[in-house]
């Protein structure tokens, strides 16, 4: 998943990242400490700061709140593994410098997510259809 995101976004071939599956309490603590938001979120990304390191480039860490991920997938009527894939891609793109603070940034990032996920055989995560919220 991360490799697909890296390739599509032009990341270095030797880039490495750490993926953490955590419970909501752990992610809530991270979200509170780093973003001043006292609740869990589905994914947090922490880009690496040392770009001058020797060896494979460390992109950073992506932390997924597994309980939140499962709740969201159930509420949206999509397979949990598809939602997990989407969040890994989303978090990886953040490590690569993509953001969604502005409307155009969000549009560009979502288009790239759709393209990456489609290449993995995963439906558009932003599509709304009857029975899906």
N, C-alpha and C. Protein backbone atom coordinates (compact mmCIF):
# COMPACT_ATOMS: atom_id res chain seq x y z
N UNK A 1 0.82 -1.20 0.00
CA UNK A 1 0.00 0.00 0.00
C UNK A 1 0.86 1.25 0.00
N UNK A 2 1.75 1.31 0.97
CA UNK A 2 2.61 2.49 1.06
C UNK A 2 3.48 2.61 -0.19
N UNK A 3 3.94 1.48 -0.71
CA UNK A 3 4.76 1.50 -1.92
C UNK A 3 3.97 2.06 -3.10
N UNK A 4 2.70 1.70 -3.20
CA UNK A 4 1.86 2.23 -4.28
C UNK A 4 1.71 3.74 -4.13
N UNK A 5 1.50 4.20 -2.91
CA UNK A 5 1.38 5.64 -2.67
C UNK A 5 2.70 6.34 -2.97
N UNK A 6 3.79 5.73 -2.54
CA UNK A 6 5.11 6.32 -2.78
C UNK A 6 5.38 6.46 -4.27
N UNK A 7 5.12 5.41 -5.02
CA UNK A 7 5.38 5.41 -6.45
C UNK A 7 4.52 6.46 -7.15
N UNK A 8 3.24 6.50 -6.83
CA UNK A 8 2.33 7.45 -7.48
C UNK A 8 2.67 8.89 -7.13
N UNK A 9 3.20 9.12 -5.94
CA UNK A 9 3.50 10.48 -5.49
C UNK A 9 4.95 10.88 -5.75
N UNK A 10 5.72 10.00 -6.36
CA UNK A 10 7.09 10.32 -6.69
C UNK A 10 8.06 10.27 -5.53
N UNK A 11 7.81 9.41 -4.56
CA UNK A 11 8.70 9.28 -3.40
C UNK A 11 9.97 8.54 -3.81
N UNK A 12 11.03 8.71 -3.03
CA UNK A 12 12.27 7.99 -3.33
C UNK A 12 12.07 6.48 -3.21
N UNK A 13 12.72 5.73 -4.09
CA UNK A 13 12.55 4.28 -4.10
C UNK A 13 13.04 3.62 -2.82
N UNK A 14 13.97 4.26 -2.12
CA UNK A 14 14.50 3.66 -0.91
C UNK A 14 13.85 4.22 0.36
N UNK A 15 12.71 4.88 0.22
CA UNK A 15 12.03 5.45 1.39
C UNK A 15 11.44 4.38 2.28
N UNK A 16 11.49 4.62 3.59
CA UNK A 16 10.90 3.70 4.57
C UNK A 16 9.99 4.47 5.50
N UNK A 17 8.98 3.77 6.01
CA UNK A 17 8.08 4.38 6.98
C UNK A 17 7.71 3.34 8.02
N UNK A 18 7.18 3.82 9.12
CA UNK A 18 6.70 2.95 10.19
C UNK A 18 5.18 3.08 10.24
N UNK A 19 4.49 1.95 10.28
CA UNK A 19 3.03 1.93 10.38
C UNK A 19 2.66 1.33 11.73
N UNK A 20 1.84 2.06 12.48
CA UNK A 20 1.42 1.63 13.81
C UNK A 20 -0.09 1.48 13.84
N UNK A 21 -0.58 0.31 14.26
CA UNK A 21 -2.00 0.11 14.54
C UNK A 21 -2.15 0.24 16.04
N UNK A 22 -2.96 1.21 16.47
CA UNK A 22 -3.09 1.50 17.89
C UNK A 22 -4.55 1.55 18.30
N UNK A 23 -4.78 1.54 19.61
CA UNK A 23 -6.15 1.70 20.09
C UNK A 23 -6.49 3.18 20.17
N UNK A 24 -7.78 3.47 20.34
CA UNK A 24 -8.25 4.85 20.35
C UNK A 24 -7.62 5.67 21.47
N UNK A 25 -7.39 5.06 22.63
CA UNK A 25 -6.82 5.80 23.76
C UNK A 25 -5.42 6.32 23.41
N UNK A 26 -4.61 5.48 22.77
CA UNK A 26 -3.26 5.88 22.39
C UNK A 26 -3.31 7.02 21.37
N UNK A 27 -4.18 6.87 20.36
CA UNK A 27 -4.28 7.89 19.31
C UNK A 27 -4.85 9.19 19.89
N UNK A 28 -5.78 9.07 20.82
CA UNK A 28 -6.32 10.27 21.48
C UNK A 28 -5.19 11.02 22.19
N UNK A 29 -4.33 10.30 22.90
CA UNK A 29 -3.20 10.94 23.58
C UNK A 29 -2.28 11.65 22.58
N UNK A 30 -1.97 10.99 21.48
CA UNK A 30 -1.13 11.62 20.45
C UNK A 30 -1.81 12.86 19.88
N UNK A 31 -3.09 12.74 19.57
CA UNK A 31 -3.84 13.84 18.98
C UNK A 31 -3.88 15.03 19.95
N UNK A 32 -4.06 14.75 21.22
CA UNK A 32 -4.09 15.80 22.24
C UNK A 32 -2.71 16.45 22.37
N UNK A 33 -1.67 15.64 22.42
CA UNK A 33 -0.32 16.17 22.62
C UNK A 33 0.24 16.93 21.42
N UNK A 34 -0.08 16.48 20.22
CA UNK A 34 0.52 17.08 19.02
C UNK A 34 -0.40 18.04 18.27
N UNK A 35 -1.72 17.91 18.45
CA UNK A 35 -2.65 18.75 17.70
C UNK A 35 -3.62 19.51 18.60
N UNK A 36 -3.51 19.30 19.91
CA UNK A 36 -4.42 19.95 20.87
C UNK A 36 -5.88 19.62 20.60
N UNK A 37 -6.13 18.40 20.13
CA UNK A 37 -7.50 17.92 19.89
C UNK A 37 -7.68 16.69 20.77
N UNK A 38 -8.60 16.80 21.73
CA UNK A 38 -8.74 15.76 22.76
C UNK A 38 -9.75 14.68 22.37
N UNK A 39 -9.47 14.01 21.26
CA UNK A 39 -10.28 12.87 20.82
C UNK A 39 -9.45 12.08 19.82
N UNK A 40 -9.80 10.82 19.63
CA UNK A 40 -9.05 10.05 18.63
C UNK A 40 -9.43 10.50 17.22
N UNK A 41 -8.56 10.24 16.30
CA UNK A 41 -8.83 10.47 14.88
C UNK A 41 -8.43 9.18 14.17
N UNK A 42 -8.82 9.02 12.92
CA UNK A 42 -8.56 7.74 12.27
C UNK A 42 -7.09 7.53 11.89
N UNK A 43 -6.38 8.60 11.52
CA UNK A 43 -4.99 8.47 11.12
C UNK A 43 -4.21 9.73 11.49
N UNK A 44 -3.00 9.53 11.96
CA UNK A 44 -2.07 10.62 12.22
C UNK A 44 -0.77 10.32 11.49
N UNK A 45 -0.17 11.35 10.93
CA UNK A 45 1.11 11.20 10.23
C UNK A 45 2.14 12.10 10.89
N UNK A 46 3.33 11.55 11.05
CA UNK A 46 4.44 12.27 11.65
C UNK A 46 5.64 12.18 10.71
N UNK A 47 5.79 13.17 9.82
CA UNK A 47 6.92 13.14 8.88
C UNK A 47 8.26 13.16 9.61
N UNK A 48 9.22 12.45 9.06
CA UNK A 48 10.58 12.44 9.62
C UNK A 48 11.20 13.80 9.38
N UNK A 49 12.06 14.19 10.28
CA UNK A 49 12.67 15.51 10.18
C UNK A 49 14.10 15.48 9.66
N UNK A 50 14.74 14.32 9.65
CA UNK A 50 16.15 14.24 9.25
C UNK A 50 16.27 13.76 7.81
N UNK A 51 16.29 14.72 6.88
CA UNK A 51 16.40 14.36 5.47
C UNK A 51 17.85 14.11 5.05
N UNK A 52 18.80 14.40 5.94
CA UNK A 52 20.22 14.23 5.61
C UNK A 52 20.79 12.90 6.10
N UNK A 53 19.93 12.02 6.59
CA UNK A 53 20.40 10.74 7.13
C UNK A 53 21.02 9.90 6.02
N UNK A 54 22.00 9.11 6.40
CA UNK A 54 22.65 8.20 5.45
C UNK A 54 21.85 6.91 5.40
N UNK A 55 21.70 6.34 4.22
CA UNK A 55 20.95 5.09 4.07
C UNK A 55 19.55 5.38 3.55
N UNK A 56 18.65 4.42 3.69
CA UNK A 56 17.29 4.61 3.20
C UNK A 56 16.65 5.84 3.85
N UNK A 57 15.91 6.57 3.07
CA UNK A 57 15.25 7.78 3.59
C UNK A 57 14.07 7.39 4.47
N UNK A 58 14.07 7.84 5.71
CA UNK A 58 12.95 7.61 6.61
C UNK A 58 11.90 8.67 6.33
N UNK A 59 10.72 8.23 5.87
CA UNK A 59 9.64 9.16 5.56
C UNK A 59 8.92 9.61 6.82
N UNK A 60 8.78 8.72 7.80
CA UNK A 60 8.10 9.07 9.05
C UNK A 60 7.21 7.94 9.53
N UNK A 61 6.27 8.31 10.39
CA UNK A 61 5.37 7.34 11.01
C UNK A 61 3.92 7.65 10.66
N UNK A 62 3.15 6.60 10.42
CA UNK A 62 1.70 6.71 10.24
C UNK A 62 1.06 5.88 11.35
N UNK A 63 0.17 6.50 12.10
CA UNK A 63 -0.49 5.83 13.22
C UNK A 63 -1.98 5.74 12.92
N UNK A 64 -2.51 4.52 12.91
CA UNK A 64 -3.94 4.30 12.65
C UNK A 64 -4.64 3.93 13.95
N UNK A 65 -5.80 4.53 14.19
CA UNK A 65 -6.64 4.17 15.33
C UNK A 65 -7.53 3.02 14.87
N UNK A 66 -7.16 1.81 15.24
CA UNK A 66 -7.84 0.63 14.72
C UNK A 66 -9.32 0.58 15.09
N UNK A 67 -9.67 0.95 16.32
CA UNK A 67 -11.08 0.94 16.73
C UNK A 67 -11.89 1.95 15.92
N UNK A 68 -11.34 3.13 15.72
CA UNK A 68 -12.01 4.16 14.92
C UNK A 68 -12.16 3.69 13.48
N UNK A 69 -11.10 3.11 12.95
CA UNK A 69 -11.11 2.58 11.58
C UNK A 69 -12.24 1.57 11.41
N UNK A 70 -12.39 0.64 12.34
CA UNK A 70 -13.45 -0.38 12.25
C UNK A 70 -14.84 0.25 12.35
N UNK A 71 -15.01 1.21 13.26
CA UNK A 71 -16.30 1.89 13.40
C UNK A 71 -16.67 2.63 12.12
N UNK A 72 -15.71 3.37 11.56
CA UNK A 72 -15.97 4.12 10.34
C UNK A 72 -16.33 3.20 9.18
N UNK A 73 -15.60 2.12 9.02
CA UNK A 73 -15.88 1.18 7.93
C UNK A 73 -17.28 0.62 8.06
N UNK A 74 -17.67 0.23 9.27
CA UNK A 74 -19.02 -0.31 9.49
C UNK A 74 -20.08 0.75 9.20
N UNK A 75 -19.86 1.97 9.67
CA UNK A 75 -20.83 3.05 9.46
C UNK A 75 -20.97 3.40 7.98
N UNK A 76 -19.88 3.27 7.23
CA UNK A 76 -19.89 3.62 5.81
C UNK A 76 -20.20 2.42 4.92
N UNK A 77 -20.38 1.24 5.51
CA UNK A 77 -20.72 0.05 4.74
C UNK A 77 -19.64 -0.39 3.78
N UNK A 78 -18.39 -0.27 4.18
CA UNK A 78 -17.29 -0.70 3.31
C UNK A 78 -16.41 -1.70 4.04
N UNK A 79 -15.70 -2.53 3.31
CA UNK A 79 -14.82 -3.50 3.96
C UNK A 79 -13.75 -2.80 4.80
N UNK A 80 -13.50 -3.33 5.98
CA UNK A 80 -12.51 -2.73 6.88
C UNK A 80 -11.12 -2.68 6.23
N UNK A 81 -10.77 -3.72 5.47
CA UNK A 81 -9.45 -3.73 4.81
C UNK A 81 -9.33 -2.64 3.76
N UNK A 82 -10.44 -2.33 3.07
CA UNK A 82 -10.42 -1.23 2.10
C UNK A 82 -10.22 0.10 2.81
N UNK A 83 -10.90 0.27 3.94
CA UNK A 83 -10.76 1.52 4.70
C UNK A 83 -9.34 1.63 5.26
N UNK A 84 -8.81 0.52 5.74
CA UNK A 84 -7.43 0.51 6.23
C UNK A 84 -6.48 0.93 5.11
N UNK A 85 -6.67 0.36 3.92
CA UNK A 85 -5.82 0.71 2.78
C UNK A 85 -5.91 2.20 2.48
N UNK A 86 -7.12 2.73 2.50
CA UNK A 86 -7.30 4.16 2.23
C UNK A 86 -6.54 5.00 3.25
N UNK A 87 -6.65 4.65 4.53
CA UNK A 87 -5.99 5.44 5.56
C UNK A 87 -4.46 5.32 5.49
N UNK A 88 -3.95 4.15 5.10
CA UNK A 88 -2.50 4.01 4.92
C UNK A 88 -2.04 4.90 3.77
N UNK A 89 -2.77 4.88 2.66
CA UNK A 89 -2.42 5.73 1.52
C UNK A 89 -2.51 7.20 1.93
N UNK A 90 -3.59 7.58 2.60
CA UNK A 90 -3.79 8.96 3.03
C UNK A 90 -2.64 9.42 3.93
N UNK A 91 -2.32 8.61 4.93
CA UNK A 91 -1.24 8.95 5.84
C UNK A 91 0.11 9.02 5.15
N UNK A 92 0.35 8.11 4.22
CA UNK A 92 1.61 8.11 3.48
C UNK A 92 1.74 9.37 2.64
N UNK A 93 0.65 9.79 2.02
CA UNK A 93 0.70 11.02 1.23
C UNK A 93 1.03 12.22 2.11
N UNK A 94 0.53 12.24 3.34
CA UNK A 94 0.91 13.31 4.27
C UNK A 94 2.42 13.28 4.53
N UNK A 95 2.99 12.08 4.68
CA UNK A 95 4.44 11.98 4.89
C UNK A 95 5.21 12.55 3.71
N UNK A 96 4.61 12.48 2.53
CA UNK A 96 5.26 12.95 1.31
C UNK A 96 4.99 14.42 1.03
N UNK A 97 4.30 15.09 1.98
CA UNK A 97 4.09 16.53 1.84
C UNK A 97 2.74 16.96 1.32
N UNK A 98 1.86 16.02 1.04
CA UNK A 98 0.52 16.38 0.58
C UNK A 98 -0.33 16.81 1.77
N UNK A 99 -1.29 17.70 1.51
CA UNK A 99 -2.16 18.19 2.57
C UNK A 99 -3.54 18.45 2.00
N UNK A 100 -4.49 18.77 2.88
CA UNK A 100 -5.86 19.05 2.44
C UNK A 100 -6.45 20.21 3.22
N UNK A 101 -5.61 21.17 3.58
CA UNK A 101 -6.08 22.34 4.32
C UNK A 101 -6.90 23.27 3.43
N UNK A 102 -6.48 23.43 2.19
CA UNK A 102 -7.18 24.28 1.22
C UNK A 102 -7.96 23.38 0.26
N UNK A 103 -9.03 23.95 -0.31
CA UNK A 103 -9.91 23.17 -1.19
C UNK A 103 -9.15 22.53 -2.35
N UNK A 104 -8.26 23.28 -3.01
CA UNK A 104 -7.53 22.73 -4.15
C UNK A 104 -6.56 21.63 -3.71
N UNK A 105 -5.94 21.81 -2.55
CA UNK A 105 -5.05 20.77 -2.01
C UNK A 105 -5.84 19.49 -1.75
N UNK A 106 -7.02 19.65 -1.16
CA UNK A 106 -7.86 18.48 -0.85
C UNK A 106 -8.27 17.78 -2.14
N UNK A 107 -8.65 18.55 -3.14
CA UNK A 107 -9.05 17.97 -4.42
C UNK A 107 -7.90 17.18 -5.05
N UNK A 108 -6.71 17.76 -5.03
CA UNK A 108 -5.54 17.08 -5.61
C UNK A 108 -5.19 15.81 -4.83
N UNK A 109 -5.22 15.91 -3.50
CA UNK A 109 -4.86 14.76 -2.67
C UNK A 109 -5.88 13.64 -2.84
N UNK A 110 -7.16 13.98 -2.84
CA UNK A 110 -8.20 12.97 -3.00
C UNK A 110 -8.12 12.31 -4.36
N UNK A 111 -7.81 13.07 -5.40
CA UNK A 111 -7.67 12.49 -6.75
C UNK A 111 -6.52 11.48 -6.77
N UNK A 112 -5.42 11.81 -6.12
CA UNK A 112 -4.29 10.90 -6.06
C UNK A 112 -4.64 9.65 -5.25
N UNK A 113 -5.34 9.83 -4.14
CA UNK A 113 -5.79 8.68 -3.34
C UNK A 113 -6.67 7.76 -4.18
N UNK A 114 -7.62 8.34 -4.91
CA UNK A 114 -8.51 7.53 -5.76
C UNK A 114 -7.71 6.72 -6.78
N UNK A 115 -6.74 7.38 -7.41
CA UNK A 115 -5.94 6.72 -8.43
C UNK A 115 -5.13 5.56 -7.84
N UNK A 116 -4.51 5.79 -6.70
CA UNK A 116 -3.71 4.75 -6.05
C UNK A 116 -4.60 3.58 -5.65
N UNK A 117 -5.72 3.88 -5.00
CA UNK A 117 -6.61 2.82 -4.54
C UNK A 117 -7.23 2.05 -5.70
N UNK A 118 -7.58 2.75 -6.78
CA UNK A 118 -8.12 2.07 -7.96
C UNK A 118 -7.10 1.08 -8.51
N UNK A 119 -5.82 1.45 -8.49
CA UNK A 119 -4.76 0.56 -8.94
C UNK A 119 -4.63 -0.68 -8.07
N UNK A 120 -5.15 -0.60 -6.85
CA UNK A 120 -5.15 -1.74 -5.93
C UNK A 120 -6.48 -2.48 -5.94
N UNK A 121 -7.40 -2.04 -6.82
CA UNK A 121 -8.71 -2.69 -6.90
C UNK A 121 -9.67 -2.28 -5.80
N UNK A 122 -9.46 -1.10 -5.22
CA UNK A 122 -10.30 -0.62 -4.12
C UNK A 122 -11.17 0.53 -4.61
N UNK A 123 -12.45 0.47 -4.27
CA UNK A 123 -13.43 1.46 -4.72
C UNK A 123 -13.09 2.86 -4.18
N UNK A 124 -13.59 3.86 -4.87
CA UNK A 124 -13.42 5.26 -4.49
C UNK A 124 -13.93 5.47 -3.07
N UNK A 125 -13.05 5.85 -2.14
CA UNK A 125 -13.48 6.00 -0.74
C UNK A 125 -14.34 7.23 -0.51
N UNK A 126 -14.39 8.14 -1.47
CA UNK A 126 -15.16 9.37 -1.31
C UNK A 126 -16.52 9.30 -2.00
N UNK A 127 -16.77 8.20 -2.70
CA UNK A 127 -18.03 8.04 -3.41
C UNK A 127 -19.16 7.84 -2.40
N UNK A 128 -20.27 8.48 -2.66
CA UNK A 128 -21.45 8.25 -1.82
C UNK A 128 -22.47 7.50 -2.67
N UNK A 129 -23.13 6.57 -2.05
CA UNK A 129 -24.13 5.77 -2.75
C UNK A 129 -25.20 5.39 -1.74
N UNK A 130 -26.36 4.96 -2.22
CA UNK A 130 -27.41 4.55 -1.28
C UNK A 130 -26.89 3.50 -0.30
N UNK A 131 -27.20 3.70 0.96
CA UNK A 131 -26.76 2.76 1.98
C UNK A 131 -25.40 3.08 2.56
N UNK A 132 -24.70 4.03 1.93
CA UNK A 132 -23.40 4.47 2.44
C UNK A 132 -23.51 5.91 2.87
N UNK A 133 -22.96 6.18 4.04
CA UNK A 133 -23.00 7.56 4.54
C UNK A 133 -21.70 8.25 4.29
